[in-house]
Amino acid sequence: QIALLVWVAKDAKARGMDGAILWMLLVLCFPLLGL
């Protein structure tokens, strides 16, 4: 779960997405659906 959160944050930042933290929270709360 931690590795997935780190990957989502880095990938969102690399793609220029503004809501990286919100995506991390979504993946944290609903792992499969969020991903």
All heavy atoms as atom14 arrays in JSON, in Angstrom:
{
  "sequence": "QIALLVWVAKDAKARGMDGAILWMLLVLCFPLLGL",
  "atom14_mask": [
    [1, 1, 1, 1, 1, 1, 1, 1, 1, 0, 0, 0, 0, 0],
    [1, 1, 1, 1, 1, 1, 1, 1, 0, 0, 0, 0, 0, 0],
    [1, 1, 1, 1, 1, 0, 0, 0, 0, 0, 0, 0, 0, 0],
    [1, 1, 1, 1, 1, 1, 1, 1, 0, 0, 0, 0, 0, 0],
    [1, 1, 1, 1, 1, 1, 1, 1, 0, 0, 0, 0, 0, 0],
    [1, 1, 1, 1, 1, 1, 1, 0, 0, 0, 0, 0, 0, 0],
    [1, 1, 1, 1, 1, 1, 1, 1, 1, 1, 1, 1, 1, 1],
    [1, 1, 1, 1, 1, 1, 1, 0, 0, 0, 0, 0, 0, 0],
    [1, 1, 1, 1, 1, 0, 0, 0, 0, 0, 0, 0, 0, 0],
    [1, 1, 1, 1, 1, 1, 1, 1, 1, 0, 0, 0, 0, 0],
    [1, 1, 1, 1, 1, 1, 1, 1, 0, 0, 0, 0, 0, 0],
    [1, 1, 1, 1, 1, 0, 0, 0, 0, 0, 0, 0, 0, 0],
    [1, 1, 1, 1, 1, 1, 1, 1, 1, 0, 0, 0, 0, 0],
    [1, 1, 1, 1, 1, 0, 0, 0, 0, 0, 0, 0, 0, 0],
    [1, 1, 1, 1, 1, 1, 1, 1, 1, 1, 1, 0, 0, 0],
    [1, 1, 1, 1, 0, 0, 0, 0, 0, 0, 0, 0, 0, 0],
    [1, 1, 1, 1, 1, 1, 1, 1, 0, 0, 0, 0, 0, 0],
    [1, 1, 1, 1, 1, 1, 1, 1, 0, 0, 0, 0, 0, 0],
    [1, 1, 1, 1, 0, 0, 0, 0, 0, 0, 0, 0, 0, 0],
    [1, 1, 1, 1, 1, 0, 0, 0, 0, 0, 0, 0, 0, 0],
    [1, 1, 1, 1, 1, 1, 1, 1, 0, 0, 0, 0, 0, 0],
    [1, 1, 1, 1, 1, 1, 1, 1, 0, 0, 0, 0, 0, 0],
    [1, 1, 1, 1, 1, 1, 1, 1, 1, 1, 1, 1, 1, 1],
    [1, 1, 1, 1, 1, 1, 1, 1, 0, 0, 0, 0, 0, 0],
    [1, 1, 1, 1, 1, 1, 1, 1, 0, 0, 0, 0, 0, 0],
    [1, 1, 1, 1, 1, 1, 1, 1, 0, 0, 0, 0, 0, 0],
    [1, 1, 1, 1, 1, 1, 1, 0, 0, 0, 0, 0, 0, 0],
    [1, 1, 1, 1, 1, 1, 1, 1, 0, 0, 0, 0, 0, 0],
    [1, 1, 1, 1, 1, 1, 0, 0, 0, 0, 0, 0, 0, 0],
    [1, 1, 1, 1, 1, 1, 1, 1, 1, 1, 1, 0, 0, 0],
    [1, 1, 1, 1, 1, 1, 1, 0, 0, 0, 0, 0, 0, 0],
    [1, 1, 1, 1, 1, 1, 1, 1, 0, 0, 0, 0, 0, 0],
    [1, 1, 1, 1, 1, 1, 1, 1, 0, 0, 0, 0, 0, 0],
    [1, 1, 1, 1, 0, 0, 0, 0, 0, 0, 0, 0, 0, 0],
    [1, 1, 1, 1, 1, 1, 1, 1, 0, 0, 0, 0, 0, 0]
  ],
  "atom14_positions": [
    [[0.83, -1.21, 0.0], [0.0, 0.0, 0.0], [0.87, 1.26, 0.0], [0.59, 2.2, -0.74], [-0.93, 0.0, 1.22], [-1.86, 1.16, 1.29], [-2.99, 1.09, 0.28], [-3.23, 0.06, -0.32], [-3.66, 2.19, 0.09], [0.0, 0.0, 0.0], [0.0, 0.0, 0.0], [0.0, 0.0, 0.0], [0.0, 0.0, 0.0], [0.0, 0.0, 0.0]],
    [[1.91, 1.28, 0.8], [2.8, 2.44, 0.85], [3.53, 2.62, -0.49], [3.64, 3.74, -1.0], [3.8, 2.31, 2.02], [3.05, 2.46, 3.34], [4.92, 3.34, 1.91], [3.87, 2.14, 4.56], [0.0, 0.0, 0.0], [0.0, 0.0, 0.0], [0.0, 0.0, 0.0], [0.0, 0.0, 0.0], [0.0, 0.0, 0.0], [0.0, 0.0, 0.0]],
    [[4.0, 1.53, -1.08], [4.67, 1.6, -2.38], [3.71, 2.12, -3.45], [4.1, 2.93, -4.31], [5.21, 0.24, -2.76], [0.0, 0.0, 0.0], [0.0, 0.0, 0.0], [0.0, 0.0, 0.0], [0.0, 0.0, 0.0], [0.0, 0.0, 0.0], [0.0, 0.0, 0.0], [0.0, 0.0, 0.0], [0.0, 0.0, 0.0], [0.0, 0.0, 0.0]],
    [[2.46, 1.7, -3.41], [1.46, 2.17, -4.36], [1.2, 3.66, -4.19], [1.11, 4.41, -5.18], [0.17, 1.38, -4.18], [-0.96, 1.67, -5.15], [-0.54, 1.34, -6.57], [-2.19, 0.87, -4.77], [0.0, 0.0, 0.0], [0.0, 0.0, 0.0], [0.0, 0.0, 0.0], [0.0, 0.0, 0.0], [0.0, 0.0, 0.0], [0.0, 0.0, 0.0]],
    [[1.11, 4.13, -2.97], [0.89, 5.56, -2.7], [2.07, 6.4, -3.2], [1.87, 7.46, -3.8], [0.67, 5.8, -1.22], [-0.64, 5.26, -0.65], [-0.65, 5.4, 0.86], [-1.83, 5.95, -1.26], [0.0, 0.0, 0.0], [0.0, 0.0, 0.0], [0.0, 0.0, 0.0], [0.0, 0.0, 0.0], [0.0, 0.0, 0.0], [0.0, 0.0, 0.0]],
    [[3.27, 5.92, -2.97], [4.46, 6.64, -3.44], [4.47, 6.7, -4.96], [4.76, 7.74, -5.57], [5.75, 5.99, -2.88], [6.99, 6.53, -3.56], [5.83, 6.18, -1.38], [0.0, 0.0, 0.0], [0.0, 0.0, 0.0], [0.0, 0.0, 0.0], [0.0, 0.0, 0.0], [0.0, 0.0, 0.0], [0.0, 0.0, 0.0], [0.0, 0.0, 0.0]],
    [[4.15, 5.58, -5.62], [4.13, 5.55, -7.07], [3.08, 6.51, -7.63], [3.36, 7.25, -8.58], [3.85, 4.13, -7.59], [3.79, 4.11, -9.08], [4.83, 4.08, -9.95], [2.6, 4.17, -9.88], [4.37, 4.12, -11.24], [3.0, 4.16, -11.23], [1.24, 4.22, -9.58], [2.1, 4.21, -12.27], [0.34, 4.26, -10.63], [0.77, 4.26, -11.96]],
    [[1.89, 6.52, -7.05], [0.83, 7.43, -7.52], [1.28, 8.88, -7.37], [1.09, 9.69, -8.28], [-0.5, 7.17, -6.76], [-1.49, 8.3, -7.0], [-1.1, 5.85, -7.19], [0.0, 0.0, 0.0], [0.0, 0.0, 0.0], [0.0, 0.0, 0.0], [0.0, 0.0, 0.0], [0.0, 0.0, 0.0], [0.0, 0.0, 0.0], [0.0, 0.0, 0.0]],
    [[1.89, 9.22, -6.26], [2.33, 10.59, -6.04], [3.4, 10.99, -7.05], [3.33, 12.07, -7.65], [2.87, 10.75, -4.62], [0.0, 0.0, 0.0], [0.0, 0.0, 0.0], [0.0, 0.0, 0.0], [0.0, 0.0, 0.0], [0.0, 0.0, 0.0], [0.0, 0.0, 0.0], [0.0, 0.0, 0.0], [0.0, 0.0, 0.0], [0.0, 0.0, 0.0]],
    [[4.39, 10.14, -7.27], [5.46, 10.45, -8.22], [4.94, 10.52, -9.65], [5.32, 11.39, -10.42], [6.58, 9.42, -8.12], [7.44, 9.58, -6.9], [8.58, 8.61, -6.91], [9.5, 8.83, -5.74], [10.68, 7.97, -5.79], [0.0, 0.0, 0.0], [0.0, 0.0, 0.0], [0.0, 0.0, 0.0], [0.0, 0.0, 0.0], [0.0, 0.0, 0.0]],
    [[4.06, 9.59, -10.01], [3.53, 9.56, -11.36], [2.65, 10.78, -11.62], [2.73, 11.39, -12.68], [2.74, 8.28, -11.59], [2.34, 8.1, -13.04], [3.25, 7.95, -13.9], [1.13, 8.1, -13.33], [0.0, 0.0, 0.0], [0.0, 0.0, 0.0], [0.0, 0.0, 0.0], [0.0, 0.0, 0.0], [0.0, 0.0, 0.0], [0.0, 0.0, 0.0]],
    [[1.82, 11.14, -10.66], [0.96, 12.32, -10.83], [1.8, 13.59, -10.96], [1.5, 14.45, -11.78], [-0.01, 12.44, -9.65], [0.0, 0.0, 0.0], [0.0, 0.0, 0.0], [0.0, 0.0, 0.0], [0.0, 0.0, 0.0], [0.0, 0.0, 0.0], [0.0, 0.0, 0.0], [0.0, 0.0, 0.0], [0.0, 0.0, 0.0], [0.0, 0.0, 0.0]],
    [[2.85, 13.7, -10.18], [3.73, 14.87, -10.26], [4.45, 14.9, -11.6], [4.55, 15.95, -12.23], [4.74, 14.82, -9.11], [5.72, 15.95, -9.09], [5.1, 17.21, -8.61], [6.2, 18.26, -8.47], [5.69, 19.55, -8.15], [0.0, 0.0, 0.0], [0.0, 0.0, 0.0], [0.0, 0.0, 0.0], [0.0, 0.0, 0.0], [0.0, 0.0, 0.0]],
    [[4.93, 13.76, -12.08], [5.64, 13.7, -13.35], [4.72, 14.05, -14.52], [5.18, 14.57, -15.53], [6.24, 12.31, -13.56], [0.0, 0.0, 0.0], [0.0, 0.0, 0.0], [0.0, 0.0, 0.0], [0.0, 0.0, 0.0], [0.0, 0.0, 0.0], [0.0, 0.0, 0.0], [0.0, 0.0, 0.0], [0.0, 0.0, 0.0], [0.0, 0.0, 0.0]],
    [[3.45, 13.77, -14.38], [2.49, 14.05, -15.46], [1.88, 15.44, -15.31], [1.0, 15.81, -16.07], [1.42, 12.98, -15.5], [2.0, 11.64, -15.91], [1.01, 10.53, -15.91], [1.66, 9.28, -16.18], [1.95, 8.82, -17.4], [1.62, 9.52, -18.45], [2.55, 7.66, -17.56], [0.0, 0.0, 0.0], [0.0, 0.0, 0.0], [0.0, 0.0, 0.0]],
    [[2.32, 16.21, -14.33], [1.86, 17.58, -14.18], [0.46, 17.72, -13.61], [-0.18, 18.74, -13.78], [0.0, 0.0, 0.0], [0.0, 0.0, 0.0], [0.0, 0.0, 0.0], [0.0, 0.0, 0.0], [0.0, 0.0, 0.0], [0.0, 0.0, 0.0], [0.0, 0.0, 0.0], [0.0, 0.0, 0.0], [0.0, 0.0, 0.0], [0.0, 0.0, 0.0]],
    [[-0.02, 16.71, -12.9], [-1.36, 16.77, -12.32], [-1.31, 17.58, -11.02], [-0.4, 17.41, -10.21], [-1.87, 15.36, -12.04], [-2.02, 14.52, -13.3], [-2.44, 12.82, -12.96], [-4.12, 12.99, -12.41], [0.0, 0.0, 0.0], [0.0, 0.0, 0.0], [0.0, 0.0, 0.0], [0.0, 0.0, 0.0], [0.0, 0.0, 0.0], [0.0, 0.0, 0.0]],
    [[-2.29, 18.44, -10.83], [-2.32, 19.3, -9.65], [-2.74, 18.57, -8.39], [-2.3, 18.89, -7.31], [-3.26, 20.48, -9.88], [-2.72, 21.43, -10.93], [-1.49, 21.53, -11.05], [-3.54, 22.06, -11.62], [0.0, 0.0, 0.0], [0.0, 0.0, 0.0], [0.0, 0.0, 0.0], [0.0, 0.0, 0.0], [0.0, 0.0, 0.0], [0.0, 0.0, 0.0]],
    [[-3.61, 17.58, -8.48], [-4.18, 16.94, -7.3], [-3.5, 15.65, -6.89], [-4.18, 14.67, -6.59], [0.0, 0.0, 0.0], [0.0, 0.0, 0.0], [0.0, 0.0, 0.0], [0.0, 0.0, 0.0], [0.0, 0.0, 0.0], [0.0, 0.0, 0.0], [0.0, 0.0, 0.0], [0.0, 0.0, 0.0], [0.0, 0.0, 0.0], [0.0, 0.0, 0.0]],
    [[-2.19, 15.62, -6.83], [-1.48, 14.4, -6.47], [-1.86, 13.92, -5.07], [-2.04, 12.71, -4.85], [0.03, 14.6, -6.57], [0.0, 0.0, 0.0], [0.0, 0.0, 0.0], [0.0, 0.0, 0.0], [0.0, 0.0, 0.0], [0.0, 0.0, 0.0], [0.0, 0.0, 0.0], [0.0, 0.0, 0.0], [0.0, 0.0, 0.0], [0.0, 0.0, 0.0]],
    [[-2.02, 14.83, -4.14], [-2.39, 14.46, -2.77], [-3.8, 13.88, -2.73], [-4.05, 12.9, -2.03], [-2.29, 15.7, -1.83], [-0.87, 16.25, -1.81], [-2.77, 15.36, -0.43], [0.15, 15.31, -1.23], [0.0, 0.0, 0.0], [0.0, 0.0, 0.0], [0.0, 0.0, 0.0], [0.0, 0.0, 0.0], [0.0, 0.0, 0.0], [0.0, 0.0, 0.0]],
    [[-4.7, 14.46, -3.5], [-6.07, 13.93, -3.54], [-6.11, 12.53, -4.13], [-6.86, 11.67, -3.66], [-6.98, 14.87, -4.32], [-7.2, 16.24, -3.69], [-8.03, 17.13, -4.61], [-7.85, 16.11, -2.34], [0.0, 0.0, 0.0], [0.0, 0.0, 0.0], [0.0, 0.0, 0.0], [0.0, 0.0, 0.0], [0.0, 0.0, 0.0], [0.0, 0.0, 0.0]],
    [[-5.3, 12.29, -5.16], [-5.24, 10.95, -5.74], [-4.66, 9.97, -4.72], [-5.12, 8.83, -4.62], [-4.42, 10.94, -7.02], [-5.18, 11.46, -8.18], [-4.95, 12.63, -8.85], [-6.32, 10.87, -8.78], [-5.89, 12.78, -9.85], [-6.74, 11.71, -9.83], [-7.04, 9.69, -8.55], [-7.83, 11.42, -10.64], [-8.12, 9.4, -9.36], [-8.51, 10.26, -10.39]],
    [[-3.66, 10.4, -3.97], [-3.1, 9.53, -2.93], [-4.16, 9.17, -1.89], [-4.25, 8.02, -1.46], [-1.9, 10.2, -2.24], [-0.65, 10.19, -3.04], [0.7, 11.02, -2.19], [0.81, 10.1, -0.68], [0.0, 0.0, 0.0], [0.0, 0.0, 0.0], [0.0, 0.0, 0.0], [0.0, 0.0, 0.0], [0.0, 0.0, 0.0], [0.0, 0.0, 0.0]],
    [[-4.94, 10.15, -1.47], [-5.99, 9.89, -0.48], [-7.05, 8.95, -1.04], [-7.55, 8.07, -0.32], [-6.64, 11.2, -0.04], [-5.78, 12.09, 0.85], [-6.47, 13.42, 1.08], [-5.46, 11.4, 2.15], [0.0, 0.0, 0.0], [0.0, 0.0, 0.0], [0.0, 0.0, 0.0], [0.0, 0.0, 0.0], [0.0, 0.0, 0.0], [0.0, 0.0, 0.0]],
    [[-7.41, 9.11, -2.31], [-8.38, 8.21, -2.93], [-7.86, 6.78, -2.99], [-8.57, 5.83, -2.66], [-8.74, 8.71, -4.34], [-9.8, 7.91, -5.07], [-11.14, 8.07, -4.37], [-9.89, 8.34, -6.51], [0.0, 0.0, 0.0], [0.0, 0.0, 0.0], [0.0, 0.0, 0.0], [0.0, 0.0, 0.0], [0.0, 0.0, 0.0], [0.0, 0.0, 0.0]],
    [[-6.59, 6.63, -3.36], [-5.99, 5.29, -3.42], [-5.82, 4.71, -2.02], [-5.94, 3.51, -1.82], [-4.65, 5.34, -4.18], [-3.9, 4.03, -4.09], [-4.89, 5.7, -5.65], [0.0, 0.0, 0.0], [0.0, 0.0, 0.0], [0.0, 0.0, 0.0], [0.0, 0.0, 0.0], [0.0, 0.0, 0.0], [0.0, 0.0, 0.0], [0.0, 0.0, 0.0]],
    [[-5.59, 5.57, -1.03], [-5.47, 5.09, 0.35], [-6.8, 4.58, 0.88], [-6.87, 3.52, 1.49], [-4.95, 6.22, 1.24], [-4.81, 5.89, 2.73], [-3.74, 4.84, 2.93], [-4.48, 7.14, 3.52], [0.0, 0.0, 0.0], [0.0, 0.0, 0.0], [0.0, 0.0, 0.0], [0.0, 0.0, 0.0], [0.0, 0.0, 0.0], [0.0, 0.0, 0.0]],
    [[-7.87, 5.32, 0.62], [-9.19, 4.95, 1.14], [-9.83, 3.81, 0.36], [-10.5, 2.95, 0.94], [-10.11, 6.16, 1.14], [-9.57, 7.45, 2.26], [0.0, 0.0, 0.0], [0.0, 0.0, 0.0], [0.0, 0.0, 0.0], [0.0, 0.0, 0.0], [0.0, 0.0, 0.0], [0.0, 0.0, 0.0], [0.0, 0.0, 0.0], [0.0, 0.0, 0.0]],
    [[-9.68, 3.82, -0.95], [-10.28, 2.81, -1.83], [-9.19, 2.28, -2.77], [-9.12, 2.72, -3.93], [-11.42, 3.41, -2.64], [-12.44, 4.12, -1.82], [-12.45, 5.5, -1.74], [-13.39, 3.41, -1.11], [-13.39, 6.17, -0.98], [-14.33, 4.06, -0.33], [-14.33, 5.44, -0.27], [0.0, 0.0, 0.0], [0.0, 0.0, 0.0], [0.0, 0.0, 0.0]],
    [[-8.34, 1.37, -2.32], [-7.15, 1.0, -3.08], [-7.42, 0.55, -4.52], [-6.86, 1.12, -5.46], [-6.53, -0.14, -2.27], [-7.04, 0.05, -0.9], [-8.39, 0.67, -1.04], [0.0, 0.0, 0.0], [0.0, 0.0, 0.0], [0.0, 0.0, 0.0], [0.0, 0.0, 0.0], [0.0, 0.0, 0.0], [0.0, 0.0, 0.0], [0.0, 0.0, 0.0]],
    [[-8.25, -0.42, -4.73], [-8.46, -0.94, -6.08], [-9.23, 0.06, -6.94], [-8.82, 0.37, -8.06], [-9.19, -2.29, -6.02], [-9.34, -3.0, -7.36], [-7.98, -3.28, -7.97], [-10.11, -4.28, -7.18], [0.0, 0.0, 0.0], [0.0, 0.0, 0.0], [0.0, 0.0, 0.0], [0.0, 0.0, 0.0], [0.0, 0.0, 0.0], [0.0, 0.0, 0.0]],
    [[-10.33, 0.58, -6.44], [-11.13, 1.54, -7.19], [-10.34, 2.82, -7.46], [-10.35, 3.35, -8.57], [-12.41, 1.87, -6.42], [-13.33, 2.88, -7.09], [-13.85, 2.35, -8.41], [-14.47, 3.24, -6.16], [0.0, 0.0, 0.0], [0.0, 0.0, 0.0], [0.0, 0.0, 0.0], [0.0, 0.0, 0.0], [0.0, 0.0, 0.0], [0.0, 0.0, 0.0]],
    [[-9.62, 3.3, -6.46], [-8.82, 4.51, -6.63], [-7.73, 4.35, -7.67], [-7.5, 5.24, -8.49], [0.0, 0.0, 0.0], [0.0, 0.0, 0.0], [0.0, 0.0, 0.0], [0.0, 0.0, 0.0], [0.0, 0.0, 0.0], [0.0, 0.0, 0.0], [0.0, 0.0, 0.0], [0.0, 0.0, 0.0], [0.0, 0.0, 0.0], [0.0, 0.0, 0.0]],
    [[-7.07, 3.2, -7.67], [-6.01, 2.95, -8.64], [-6.59, 2.86, -10.05], [-6.04, 3.43, -10.99], [-5.26, 1.66, -8.3], [-4.12, 1.29, -9.25], [-3.04, 2.36, -9.22], [-3.55, -0.06, -8.87], [0.0, 0.0, 0.0], [0.0, 0.0, 0.0], [0.0, 0.0, 0.0], [0.0, 0.0, 0.0], [0.0, 0.0, 0.0], [0.0, 0.0, 0.0]]
  ]
}
